[in-house]
Protein backbone atom coordinates (compact mmCIF):
# COMPACT_ATOMS: atom_id res chain seq x y z
CA MET A 1 60.12 5.47 1.70
CA GLU A 2 61.27 6.31 5.20
CA SER A 3 64.66 7.76 4.18
CA LEU A 4 62.95 10.51 1.98
CA ILE A 5 62.36 13.47 4.32
CA TYR A 6 61.51 15.98 1.62
CA GLU A 7 60.59 15.22 -1.96
CA GLY A 8 61.07 18.66 -3.37
CA SER A 9 60.80 19.41 -7.11
CA LEU A 10 61.55 16.50 -9.48
CA VAL A 11 61.38 18.62 -12.67
CA ARG A 12 65.13 18.78 -13.23
CA LEU A 13 65.63 15.05 -12.34
CA HIS A 14 62.91 14.07 -14.83
CA GLU A 15 64.69 16.17 -17.52
CA ALA A 16 67.89 14.34 -16.82
CA MET A 17 66.14 10.95 -17.00
CA GLU A 18 64.54 12.04 -20.32
CA LYS A 19 67.86 13.07 -21.78
CA ALA A 20 69.32 9.70 -20.80
CA ALA A 21 66.31 7.89 -22.21
CA HIS A 22 66.88 9.51 -25.53
CA GLY A 23 70.56 8.27 -25.65
CA GLU A 24 72.18 11.57 -24.95
CA ARG A 25 75.39 11.75 -22.88
CA THR A 26 74.39 12.17 -19.23
CA VAL A 27 76.83 13.01 -16.41
CA ILE A 28 76.02 11.89 -12.91
CA GLY A 29 78.06 13.63 -10.17
CA TYR A 30 78.79 13.29 -6.45
CA ILE A 31 80.43 15.57 -3.98
CA GLY A 32 80.93 15.11 -0.25
CA GLY A 33 83.32 13.73 2.34
CA SER A 34 84.96 10.40 3.09
CA ILE A 35 81.63 8.43 2.77
CA THR A 36 81.16 9.72 -0.74
CA MET A 37 84.83 9.05 -1.54
CA GLY A 38 84.22 5.40 -0.46
CA SER A 39 86.05 5.13 2.75
CA LEU A 40 85.92 1.55 4.15
CA SER A 41 84.30 0.19 1.07
CA SER A 42 86.45 -2.61 -0.26
CA THR A 43 86.74 -1.20 -3.79
CA PRO A 44 85.83 2.06 -5.50
CA LYS A 45 82.95 0.16 -7.16
CA THR A 46 81.39 -0.86 -3.85
CA CYS A 47 80.88 2.50 -2.41
CA TYR A 48 77.30 4.02 -2.35
CA ALA A 49 78.07 6.54 -5.10
CA TYR A 50 79.20 4.07 -7.74
CA LEU A 51 76.48 1.62 -6.67
CA SER A 52 73.72 4.17 -7.21
CA PHE A 53 75.36 5.29 -10.46
CA ARG A 54 74.69 1.67 -11.61
CA TRP A 55 70.95 2.47 -11.41
CA TRP A 56 71.46 4.74 -14.30
CA GLN A 57 73.40 2.18 -16.30
CA GLN A 58 70.67 -0.47 -15.78
CA HIS A 59 67.91 1.88 -16.75
CA PHE A 60 69.49 3.47 -19.74
CA PRO A 61 71.73 0.80 -21.42
CA GLY A 62 73.41 2.05 -24.52
CA THR A 63 73.55 5.73 -23.36
CA GLU A 64 76.88 7.21 -22.64
CA LEU A 65 76.75 7.68 -18.87
CA VAL A 66 79.65 9.48 -17.05
CA TYR A 67 80.44 9.01 -13.41
CA VAL A 68 82.20 11.82 -11.54
CA ASN A 69 83.04 11.29 -7.86
CA ALA A 70 84.35 14.40 -6.22
CA GLY A 71 84.31 13.04 -2.60
CA ILE A 72 87.28 14.03 -0.44
CA GLY A 73 87.67 12.54 3.02
CA GLY A 74 87.74 14.89 6.05
CA THR A 75 86.37 17.88 4.15
CA SER A 76 83.33 20.16 4.84
CA SER A 77 81.05 22.08 2.67
CA HIS A 78 83.24 25.09 3.36
CA PHE A 79 85.93 23.48 1.28
CA GLY A 80 83.33 22.04 -1.04
CA ALA A 81 82.15 25.45 -1.92
CA ALA A 82 85.65 26.46 -2.82
CA ARG A 83 86.43 23.55 -5.08
CA VAL A 84 83.14 22.58 -6.69
CA ARG A 85 83.65 24.27 -9.92
CA GLU A 86 87.10 22.71 -10.60
CA ASP A 87 86.43 19.36 -9.10
CA LEU A 88 82.78 18.80 -10.39
CA LEU A 89 81.11 21.50 -12.40
CA LEU A 90 83.72 21.53 -15.22
CA ALA A 91 82.21 18.11 -16.14
CA GLN A 92 78.72 19.78 -16.48
CA PRO A 93 76.95 17.08 -14.46
CA ASP A 94 73.24 16.62 -15.24
CA VAL A 95 72.51 15.30 -11.68
CA VAL A 96 74.50 16.04 -8.59
CA PHE A 97 74.27 14.26 -5.23
CA VAL A 98 75.59 16.42 -2.31
CA GLU A 99 76.66 14.74 0.95
CA PHE A 100 78.29 16.68 3.81
CA SER A 101 76.08 16.17 6.90
CA VAL A 102 78.66 14.34 9.03
CA ASN A 103 81.51 16.64 8.08
CA ASP A 104 79.65 19.93 8.79
CA GLU A 105 78.53 21.06 12.13
CA ASN A 106 75.08 22.09 13.08
CA THR A 107 75.91 25.79 13.05
CA ALA A 108 74.99 28.98 11.14
CA HIS A 109 78.52 29.01 9.57
CA PHE A 110 78.08 25.64 7.97
CA GLN A 111 74.54 26.43 6.87
CA GLU A 112 75.91 29.34 5.04
CA THR A 113 78.86 27.43 3.43
CA TYR A 114 76.50 24.53 2.45
CA GLU A 115 74.10 27.08 0.88
CA GLY A 116 76.94 28.57 -1.02
CA LEU A 117 77.84 25.19 -2.39
CA VAL A 118 74.32 24.23 -3.32
CA ARG A 119 73.66 27.56 -5.01
CA GLN A 120 76.73 27.11 -7.24
CA ILE A 121 75.39 23.75 -8.41
CA LEU A 122 71.77 24.59 -8.68
CA TYR A 123 72.30 27.96 -10.64
CA SER A 124 74.82 26.47 -13.09
CA ALA A 125 73.84 27.45 -16.65
CA TRP A 126 72.76 24.00 -17.76
CA ASN A 127 70.33 23.61 -14.82
CA PRO A 128 71.42 20.29 -13.23
CA ALA A 129 69.24 18.40 -10.84
CA VAL A 130 70.44 18.33 -7.19
CA VAL A 131 69.66 15.77 -4.55
CA LEU A 132 70.87 16.31 -0.96
CA LEU A 133 72.06 13.21 1.06
CA HIS A 134 72.25 13.32 4.81
CA ASN A 135 74.43 10.94 6.60
CA VAL A 136 74.70 10.54 10.43
CA CYS A 137 77.34 9.51 12.95
CA TYR A 138 75.64 6.37 14.28
CA LYS A 139 77.58 6.15 17.48
CA ASP A 140 76.26 9.56 18.79
CA LYS A 141 73.69 10.52 16.16
CA THR A 142 75.38 13.81 15.29
CA SER A 143 74.59 15.36 11.91
CA ALA A 144 74.11 18.70 10.25
CA LEU A 145 70.72 17.33 8.93
CA GLU A 146 68.72 20.14 10.63
CA ILE A 147 70.51 23.04 8.98
CA HIS A 148 71.09 21.20 5.63
CA SER A 149 67.57 20.12 5.26
CA GLN A 150 66.41 23.71 5.76
CA ILE A 151 68.46 24.60 2.70
CA GLY A 152 66.83 21.68 0.80
CA LYS A 153 63.25 22.84 1.68
CA TYR A 154 64.09 26.44 0.88
CA TYR A 155 65.24 25.59 -2.60
CA ASP A 156 62.81 22.78 -3.09
CA ILE A 157 65.43 20.16 -3.49
CA PRO A 158 64.89 16.42 -2.59
CA CYS A 159 66.45 15.38 0.71
CA ILE A 160 67.27 11.81 1.71
CA SER A 161 68.25 11.05 5.33
CA PHE A 162 70.41 8.00 5.51
CA GLY A 163 70.25 8.12 9.30
CA LYS A 164 66.45 7.93 9.35
CA GLY A 165 66.39 5.08 6.92
CA VAL A 166 68.99 3.13 8.83
CA TYR A 167 67.60 3.74 12.24
CA SER A 168 64.22 2.58 11.17
CA LEU A 169 65.66 -0.80 10.28
CA ILE A 170 67.56 -0.95 13.54
CA GLU A 171 64.39 -0.25 15.47
CA LYS A 172 62.62 -3.00 13.59
CA GLY A 173 65.24 -5.39 14.57
CA GLN A 174 66.28 -5.97 10.94
CA LEU A 175 69.77 -4.57 11.42
CA SER A 176 72.39 -3.71 13.97
CA GLU A 177 74.80 -0.84 13.84
CA GLY A 178 77.70 -3.30 13.78
CA ASP A 179 76.34 -4.89 10.59
CA ILE A 180 76.93 -1.79 8.55
CA THR A 181 79.81 0.24 10.11
CA PRO A 182 82.94 -0.91 11.98
CA ASP A 183 83.61 2.61 13.47
CA GLY A 184 80.16 4.01 14.05
CA LEU A 185 80.46 6.38 11.10
CA HIS A 186 81.95 4.96 7.81
CA PRO A 187 79.89 2.29 6.16
CA ASN A 188 81.43 -1.14 5.20
CA ASP A 189 80.34 -2.74 1.94
CA ARG A 190 76.97 -3.78 3.31
CA GLY A 191 76.43 -0.30 4.64
CA HIS A 192 77.33 1.28 1.30
CA ARG A 193 74.90 -1.12 -0.39
CA LEU A 194 72.19 -0.02 2.00
CA LEU A 195 72.80 3.72 1.39
CA ALA A 196 72.79 3.02 -2.35
CA ASP A 197 69.58 1.19 -2.05
CA MET A 198 67.99 4.25 -0.48
CA VAL A 199 69.16 6.49 -3.38
CA CYS A 200 68.05 3.93 -5.90
CA GLU A 201 64.66 3.70 -4.28
CA PHE A 202 64.20 7.40 -4.56
CA LEU A 203 65.40 7.26 -8.28
CA GLU A 204 62.98 4.53 -8.95
CA LYS A 205 60.07 6.32 -7.48
CA ALA A 206 60.98 9.49 -9.44
CA TYR A 207 61.46 7.47 -12.67
CA ARG A 208 58.04 5.72 -12.34
CA GLN A 209 56.14 9.02 -11.81
CA LYS A 210 58.25 11.05 -14.19
CA ARG A 211 55.65 11.21 -16.95
CA LYS A 212 51.96 10.78 -17.32
CA ALA A 213 50.88 8.52 -20.14
CA SER A 214 49.99 10.77 -23.09
CA LEU A 215 46.26 11.29 -23.87
CA THR A 216 46.97 11.32 -27.63
CA LYS A 217 49.46 9.51 -29.78
CA ASN A 218 51.87 12.17 -28.52
CA ARG A 219 53.93 12.42 -31.68
CA TYR A 220 54.82 16.15 -31.32
CA GLU A 221 56.65 16.21 -27.99
CA ARG A 222 60.18 16.15 -29.71
CA MET A 223 60.17 18.68 -32.47
CA ALA A 224 62.74 20.32 -34.72
CA ARG A 225 62.53 23.27 -37.00
CA LEU A 226 64.68 23.08 -40.04
CA GLN A 227 65.83 26.24 -41.89
CA SER A 228 68.47 27.27 -44.31
CA ARG A 229 70.96 28.14 -41.57
CA ASP A 230 71.14 24.54 -40.31
CA THR A 231 69.74 22.36 -43.16
CA VAL A 232 71.16 21.61 -46.58
CA PRO A 233 68.66 20.30 -49.21
CA ILE A 234 69.63 17.24 -51.20
CA ARG A 235 68.78 19.18 -54.40
CA MET A 236 67.93 22.79 -55.09
CA GLU A 237 67.31 24.34 -58.54
CA GLY A 238 65.92 27.81 -58.81
CA PHE A 239 65.54 28.30 -55.04
CA LEU A 240 67.76 30.52 -53.10
CA ALA A 241 68.65 30.18 -49.37
CA ASP A 242 67.80 33.26 -47.26
CA GLY A 243 70.35 33.42 -44.40
CA ARG A 244 68.93 36.49 -42.82
CA LYS A 245 68.37 36.45 -39.10
CA SER A 246 67.19 39.67 -37.56
CA GLY A 247 66.86 38.32 -34.02
CA LEU A 248 63.21 39.50 -33.93
CA ILE A 249 60.81 36.63 -33.07
CA THR A 250 58.00 38.37 -34.92
CA GLU A 251 59.97 38.68 -38.21
CA VAL A 252 58.98 35.17 -39.44
CA PHE A 253 59.76 35.48 -43.13
CA GLN A 254 63.43 34.94 -42.92
CA GLY A 255 65.91 31.98 -42.70
CA GLY A 256 64.12 29.89 -45.38
CA TRP A 257 64.28 29.42 -49.24
CA GLN A 258 62.65 31.50 -51.91
CA ALA A 259 61.98 31.03 -55.67
CA TRP A 260 60.60 33.28 -58.42
CA GLU A 261 60.46 30.93 -61.43
CA LYS A 262 57.97 28.31 -62.55
CA GLY A 263 59.61 24.89 -62.22
CA ALA A 264 62.00 25.88 -59.51
CA GLU A 265 62.55 22.77 -57.32
CA ILE A 266 63.89 22.00 -53.79
CA CYS A 267 64.24 18.55 -52.18
CA PHE A 268 64.97 17.36 -48.63
CA GLN A 269 65.44 14.10 -46.91
CA VAL A 270 64.24 14.02 -43.22
CA GLU A 271 63.98 11.19 -40.77
CA CYS A 272 60.92 11.95 -38.72
CA VAL A 273 57.57 10.59 -37.54
CA CYS A 274 55.65 13.68 -38.74
CA LEU A 275 56.48 16.35 -41.22
CA GLY A 276 55.09 19.67 -42.06
CA VAL A 277 56.08 22.79 -43.91
CA GLN A 278 55.65 26.52 -43.15
CA TYR A 279 55.35 28.92 -46.09
CA ARG A 280 54.19 32.46 -46.76
CA LYS A 281 50.61 33.19 -47.74
CA THR A 282 50.41 36.79 -48.94
CA ILE A 283 47.63 39.28 -49.49
CA GLN A 284 49.57 40.71 -52.46
CA ARG A 285 48.51 39.56 -55.94
CA PRO A 286 49.25 37.59 -57.98
CA ALA A 287 50.75 34.96 -55.63
CA LEU A 288 52.93 31.91 -56.55
CA LYS A 289 51.87 28.28 -55.99
CA ALA A 290 53.91 25.17 -55.39
CA ALA A 291 53.32 21.48 -55.03
CA ALA A 292 54.67 19.38 -52.21
CA VAL A 293 55.32 15.66 -52.94
CA VAL A 294 56.32 13.22 -50.25
CA ASP A 295 58.24 10.02 -51.17
CA GLY A 296 57.55 10.40 -54.87
CA ARG A 297 53.73 10.05 -54.47
CA GLU A 298 52.95 12.60 -57.16
CA GLU A 299 49.30 11.56 -57.18
CA GLU A 300 49.07 12.80 -53.59
CA ALA A 301 50.77 16.16 -54.22
CA VAL A 302 49.60 18.85 -51.77
CA ILE A 303 49.12 22.41 -53.25
CA LEU A 304 50.90 25.14 -51.43
CA ASP A 305 48.84 28.21 -52.54
CA GLY A 306 50.67 31.42 -51.70
CA ALA A 307 47.46 33.50 -51.87
CA PHE A 308 46.01 34.36 -48.57
CA GLU A 309 42.29 35.02 -48.57
CA GLU A 310 42.23 37.22 -45.42
CA ASP A 311 42.97 40.98 -45.54
CA TRP A 312 44.99 41.54 -42.30
CA GLY A 313 48.36 40.84 -43.75
CA ASP A 314 50.71 38.01 -44.84
CA CYS A 315 50.39 34.70 -42.98
CA LEU A 316 52.88 32.19 -41.75
CA TYR A 317 51.03 29.05 -42.93
CA LEU A 318 51.69 25.55 -41.69
CA GLN A 319 50.72 22.62 -43.84
CA SER A 320 50.94 19.14 -42.45
CA LEU A 321 52.28 16.55 -44.91
CA VAL A 322 53.18 13.36 -42.98
CA GLU A 323 51.68 11.91 -39.81
CA GLY A 324 53.30 8.52 -39.45
CA GLU A 325 53.43 5.88 -36.69
CA LYS A 326 57.22 5.46 -36.50
CA LYS A 327 60.32 7.30 -37.47
CA GLU A 328 61.24 6.89 -41.11
CA VAL A 329 63.29 8.68 -43.68
CA HIS A 330 61.03 10.79 -45.97
CA THR A 331 61.86 12.58 -49.29
CA LEU A 332 60.15 15.90 -49.79
CA LYS A 333 60.02 17.69 -53.13
CA ILE A 334 58.60 21.17 -53.55
CA THR A 335 58.11 22.56 -57.17
CA VAL A 336 56.85 25.94 -58.10
CA LEU A 337 53.78 25.51 -60.34
CA GLU A 338 52.67 29.08 -61.16
CA ALA A 339 54.90 32.11 -61.15
CA PRO A 340 53.36 35.16 -62.96
CA LYS A 341 55.97 37.58 -64.01
CA GLU A 342 54.02 40.48 -62.33
CA ALA A 343 53.97 38.63 -58.91
CA PRO A 344 55.38 41.12 -56.41
CA LEU A 345 56.73 38.41 -54.05
CA PRO A 346 58.61 35.00 -54.54
CA PHE A 347 57.31 31.74 -53.23
CA TYR A 348 58.75 31.66 -49.79
CA LEU A 349 59.36 28.33 -47.89
CA VAL A 350 59.95 29.40 -44.34
CA SER A 351 60.92 26.09 -42.67
CA LEU A 352 60.26 22.41 -42.23
CA LEU A 353 58.73 21.12 -38.96
CA ALA A 354 59.76 17.63 -38.14
CA ALA A 355 58.41 15.56 -35.26
CA LEU A 356 61.19 13.23 -34.12
């Protein structure tokens, strides 16, 4: 890929692709000058920005994808740094393409304003991916590529040089300048398509290498922890929700459900591939026992014994109950079996762990 002059880190871009792959709303943003705005393209949908946005639509059909074009003709990164929050960041884009290399000059001033713009995007709270696009004035080859690409390499951001990609085609005789631009600067529809193809080629390369095939069945990459603060059982008799939250990561016996009496019962419905429960095993005696039954299969009940056989303290114990092959709705019933009156502690269900 001749137009890619610096690959940079693809971690954030892969995260955005993963978000889109899971059907989550994903925002794709562009900021730059007249070329990003679509000057000399015949319609707003034939500019390079929208054409490259189509790559996301084609790869993630069914996902809500939002296109935000903040290009304004005749403006530099100096103005871009002043308006990026209002014009682009309020939309919380997951991916941002930045294009100002023919509007900025190759000076220290514009390197600083460009860095200011890039840092505002890069350090936004939601960690958007950033890709830097570098156009060129074809009639005299002027561009701020040198100072802009230094920013890209310093922050490990992917950099695409449209000029390098176009000139390589011209040198090979596959293209002439007049084929793609009527004024030596702004692309026509064919030029915009060519620029979009370079962006899409980069996106396709990143998409194909975004994840290694898993070594295992890999059912535990998407996990959720369900506790009383965010989960409502479908039935609860004799169990009480414990809404405490101390904020201490080491205080593990909080946020769950507890029961003192034999016969106490709590039921959940969970859509998942795999399902496990966390409960307290204690060194204090006597300890309560419960039975976990999945999907009504009483003959396969798993005993949740609250007695911990070690002596170093109470244990946050994880018991796996379901390891399926596809996402299904499962019903889980937990019933207290033994509850001696002299037991110092209740049976404590800390949480459910669901692989989605």
